[in-house]
Amino acid sequence: MPKILINPRELILQEAVELLKEKGYKNFSIRELASRCNIATGTVYNYFTNKRNIISVIFKERWGKLLSEVRQIKSQDISFEEKIRLIYLELEEYLTFHKEIFLELYGEENCNKSHSREQLLGDLYTIVDDIIDFHRENKEIMMPLETRTLTVFIISNMILIIVGKDYFTFDDLLIVLKNKLN
C-alpha cells in the first residue's frame, strides 16, 4: 500500500531549508533531502525539477518577505538616510543566509535570461525608486542623477558590501550619498 503524504511539497521545502542551513548550496543533495523526508527521490522530482528549482522556490519565497519588509520601511515617516539604513539591514539579514545561493543563481557568470538581476531586483528597485522620488519632492535629495540610476547605484553597492567585498563599508556609502545628495 502506497504511503500517503500530507503536504509533501511543504515537507520537502521545510527540510530543504534545514538542509541548506547545514550543508550549503554546493553540498545540498536531492538524495539526502528525500531521505530526511522519508520519501523516495522520485517523489521529490514529482514536485521539483532539480536542486536549483527547489532552492529557487525557497529563495523567491523569502525574497517576497524581504520586499514586504522594505515596503513597510518605505511607508515610515523617517529620513531618507534612515530608510536606506533599514533597507540595508534587511538586505544584509537576507543575504547572510542566502549569500551562496544569491551568488550561484544571480552571480555575474551565472546570470542568464531566465534569472536576470533585473528580474530579481526589479521590485526592490521600484520600491527604492519611490523612496527616492518621495524624498526628492521633500527636497532631501537634490542630486540630478536619474532615479533608477541612483537606485541601482545604492542597491548594487549594498550587495557588494554584504557579499564580502571589503572595498568599503555601508557607512562609507552613506558618506558618499550624504555628500552628493545635497
Protein backbone atom coordinates (compact mmCIF):
# COMPACT_ATOMS: atom_id res chain seq x y z
CA MET A 1 0.00 0.00 0.00
CA PRO A 2 1.50 3.37 -1.01
CA LYS A 3 2.42 5.85 1.69
CA ILE A 4 0.04 8.84 1.86
CA LEU A 5 1.80 12.13 2.48
CA ILE A 6 0.07 15.24 3.73
CA ASN A 7 1.50 18.36 2.04
CA PRO A 8 4.60 16.64 0.59
CA ARG A 9 5.68 19.80 -1.24
CA GLU A 10 5.72 21.76 2.04
CA LEU A 11 7.57 18.95 3.81
CA ILE A 12 10.19 18.93 1.05
CA LEU A 13 10.59 22.72 1.26
CA GLN A 14 10.86 22.71 5.07
CA GLU A 15 13.51 20.01 5.04
CA ALA A 16 15.28 21.72 2.15
CA VAL A 17 15.63 24.90 4.23
CA GLU A 18 17.20 22.92 7.07
CA LEU A 19 19.48 21.02 4.71
CA LEU A 20 20.59 24.29 3.12
CA LYS A 21 21.43 25.75 6.52
CA GLU A 22 23.50 22.70 7.40
CA LYS A 23 25.17 21.85 4.09
CA GLY A 24 25.02 24.96 1.91
CA TYR A 25 24.09 25.05 -1.75
CA LYS A 26 27.05 23.15 -3.15
CA ASN A 27 26.64 20.20 -0.76
CA PHE A 28 22.84 20.11 -0.99
CA SER A 29 21.70 16.71 -2.26
CA ILE A 30 18.28 15.62 -3.54
CA ARG A 31 19.02 12.12 -2.30
CA GLU A 32 19.73 13.37 1.24
CA LEU A 33 16.66 15.61 1.11
CA ALA A 34 14.46 12.67 0.15
CA SER A 35 15.96 10.58 2.94
CA ARG A 36 15.22 13.30 5.51
CA CYS A 37 11.63 13.45 4.28
CA ASN A 38 11.32 9.64 4.37
CA ILE A 39 10.27 9.61 0.73
CA ALA A 40 11.71 8.27 -2.50
CA THR A 41 13.99 10.51 -4.55
CA GLY A 42 11.46 10.27 -7.39
CA THR A 43 8.81 11.82 -5.15
CA VAL A 44 10.95 14.94 -4.80
CA TYR A 45 11.17 15.09 -8.59
CA ASN A 46 7.37 14.90 -8.79
CA TYR A 47 7.31 18.36 -7.21
CA PHE A 48 10.61 19.93 -8.30
CA THR A 49 12.62 19.50 -11.48
CA ASN A 50 16.04 19.70 -9.79
CA LYS A 51 18.05 21.12 -6.91
CA ARG A 52 18.17 24.57 -8.45
CA ASN A 53 14.36 24.61 -8.74
CA ILE A 54 13.90 23.78 -5.03
CA ILE A 55 16.41 26.40 -3.98
CA SER A 56 14.89 28.97 -6.31
CA VAL A 57 11.42 28.43 -4.77
CA ILE A 58 12.82 28.92 -1.25
CA PHE A 59 14.86 31.91 -2.36
CA LYS A 60 11.91 33.63 -4.05
CA GLU A 61 9.54 32.96 -1.15
CA ARG A 62 11.95 34.56 1.30
CA TRP A 63 12.68 37.38 -1.17
CA GLY A 64 8.94 38.16 -1.11
CA LYS A 65 9.12 38.52 2.66
CA LEU A 66 12.08 40.89 2.32
CA LEU A 67 10.14 43.01 -0.18
CA SER A 68 7.22 43.18 2.25
CA GLU A 69 9.57 44.50 4.96
CA VAL A 70 11.03 47.07 2.56
CA ARG A 71 7.53 48.25 1.63
CA GLN A 72 6.87 48.85 5.34
CA ILE A 73 10.11 50.83 5.59
CA LYS A 74 9.02 52.92 2.60
CA SER A 75 5.84 53.97 4.39
CA GLN A 76 7.59 55.06 7.60
CA ASP A 77 7.88 58.74 8.40
CA ILE A 78 11.66 58.81 8.72
CA SER A 79 14.55 60.37 6.81
CA PHE A 80 15.93 59.03 3.56
CA GLU A 81 19.16 58.04 5.32
CA GLU A 82 17.24 56.08 7.96
CA LYS A 83 15.21 54.27 5.29
CA ILE A 84 18.35 53.35 3.36
CA ARG A 85 19.98 52.07 6.56
CA LEU A 86 16.93 49.93 7.39
CA ILE A 87 16.80 48.55 3.85
CA TYR A 88 20.49 47.72 4.10
CA LEU A 89 19.90 45.85 7.37
CA GLU A 90 17.03 43.85 5.83
CA LEU A 91 19.13 43.01 2.78
CA GLU A 92 22.08 42.09 4.98
CA GLU A 93 19.94 39.75 7.09
CA TYR A 94 18.54 38.13 3.96
CA LEU A 95 21.90 37.68 2.25
CA THR A 96 23.54 36.37 5.41
CA PHE A 97 21.52 33.19 4.91
CA HIS A 98 21.21 33.34 1.12
CA LYS A 99 24.58 34.72 0.01
CA GLU A 100 25.84 31.49 -1.54
CA ILE A 101 22.51 30.90 -3.29
CA PHE A 102 22.26 34.51 -4.46
CA LEU A 103 25.72 34.33 -6.00
CA GLU A 104 25.03 30.91 -7.51
CA LEU A 105 21.73 31.95 -9.09
CA TYR A 106 22.45 35.58 -9.92
CA GLY A 107 26.20 36.00 -9.94
CA GLU A 108 27.89 37.50 -13.00
CA GLU A 109 28.90 34.18 -14.52
CA ASN A 110 25.53 32.51 -13.81
CA CYS A 111 23.14 35.25 -14.86
CA ASN A 112 21.00 34.22 -17.82
CA LYS A 113 17.73 35.23 -19.44
CA SER A 114 15.57 33.23 -17.04
CA HIS A 115 17.22 34.59 -13.90
CA SER A 116 18.38 38.13 -14.56
CA ARG A 117 19.35 40.51 -11.79
CA GLU A 118 16.81 42.98 -13.14
CA GLN A 119 14.12 40.30 -12.86
CA LEU A 120 15.09 39.56 -9.26
CA LEU A 121 15.84 43.09 -8.11
CA GLY A 122 13.17 44.87 -10.15
CA ASP A 123 10.61 45.04 -7.33
CA LEU A 124 13.24 46.23 -4.87
CA TYR A 125 14.41 48.84 -7.38
CA THR A 126 10.82 50.08 -7.80
CA ILE A 127 10.32 50.49 -4.05
CA VAL A 128 13.62 52.36 -3.68
CA ASP A 129 12.72 54.48 -6.75
CA ASP A 130 9.55 55.51 -4.92
CA ILE A 131 11.51 56.34 -1.77
CA ILE A 132 13.97 58.47 -3.74
CA ASP A 133 11.17 60.29 -5.59
CA PHE A 134 9.35 61.00 -2.32
CA HIS A 135 12.46 62.42 -0.68
CA ARG A 136 13.28 64.42 -3.82
CA GLU A 137 9.86 66.04 -3.61
CA ASN A 138 10.63 66.91 0.03
CA LYS A 139 13.97 68.43 -1.02
CA GLU A 140 16.04 65.88 0.90
CA ILE A 141 17.68 64.76 -2.33
CA MET A 142 18.93 67.33 -4.80
CA MET A 143 21.21 65.11 -6.88
CA PRO A 144 20.47 65.45 -10.62
CA LEU A 145 21.08 61.74 -11.23
CA GLU A 146 18.09 59.86 -12.66
CA THR A 147 16.09 57.98 -10.04
CA ARG A 148 16.72 54.47 -11.41
CA THR A 149 20.43 55.16 -11.82
CA LEU A 150 20.67 56.27 -8.18
CA THR A 151 18.61 53.27 -7.07
CA VAL A 152 20.83 50.78 -8.91
CA PHE A 153 23.94 52.52 -7.53
CA ILE A 154 22.64 52.24 -3.95
CA ILE A 155 21.39 48.64 -4.15
CA SER A 156 24.41 47.38 -6.11
CA ASN A 157 26.78 48.86 -3.57
CA MET A 158 24.76 47.45 -0.67
CA ILE A 159 25.02 43.98 -2.20
CA LEU A 160 28.74 44.45 -2.89
CA ILE A 161 29.31 45.39 0.75
CA ILE A 162 27.22 42.50 2.09
CA VAL A 163 28.68 39.73 -0.06
CA GLY A 164 32.06 40.40 1.43
CA LYS A 165 33.91 42.68 -0.89
CA ASP A 166 35.91 44.65 1.66
CA TYR A 167 36.38 47.68 -0.54
CA PHE A 168 34.26 49.90 1.69
CA THR A 169 31.52 49.82 4.36
CA PHE A 170 27.89 50.84 4.44
CA ASP A 171 28.89 53.95 6.41
CA ASP A 172 31.25 54.86 3.55
CA LEU A 173 28.32 54.53 1.15
CA LEU A 174 26.24 56.83 3.36
CA ILE A 175 29.02 59.42 3.39
CA VAL A 176 29.12 59.40 -0.41
CA LEU A 177 25.35 59.69 -0.57
CA LYS A 178 25.19 62.49 2.01
CA ASN A 179 27.87 64.49 0.19
CA LYS A 180 26.23 64.02 -3.22
CA LEU A 181 22.53 64.14 -2.32
CA ASN A 182 22.52 67.82 -1.44
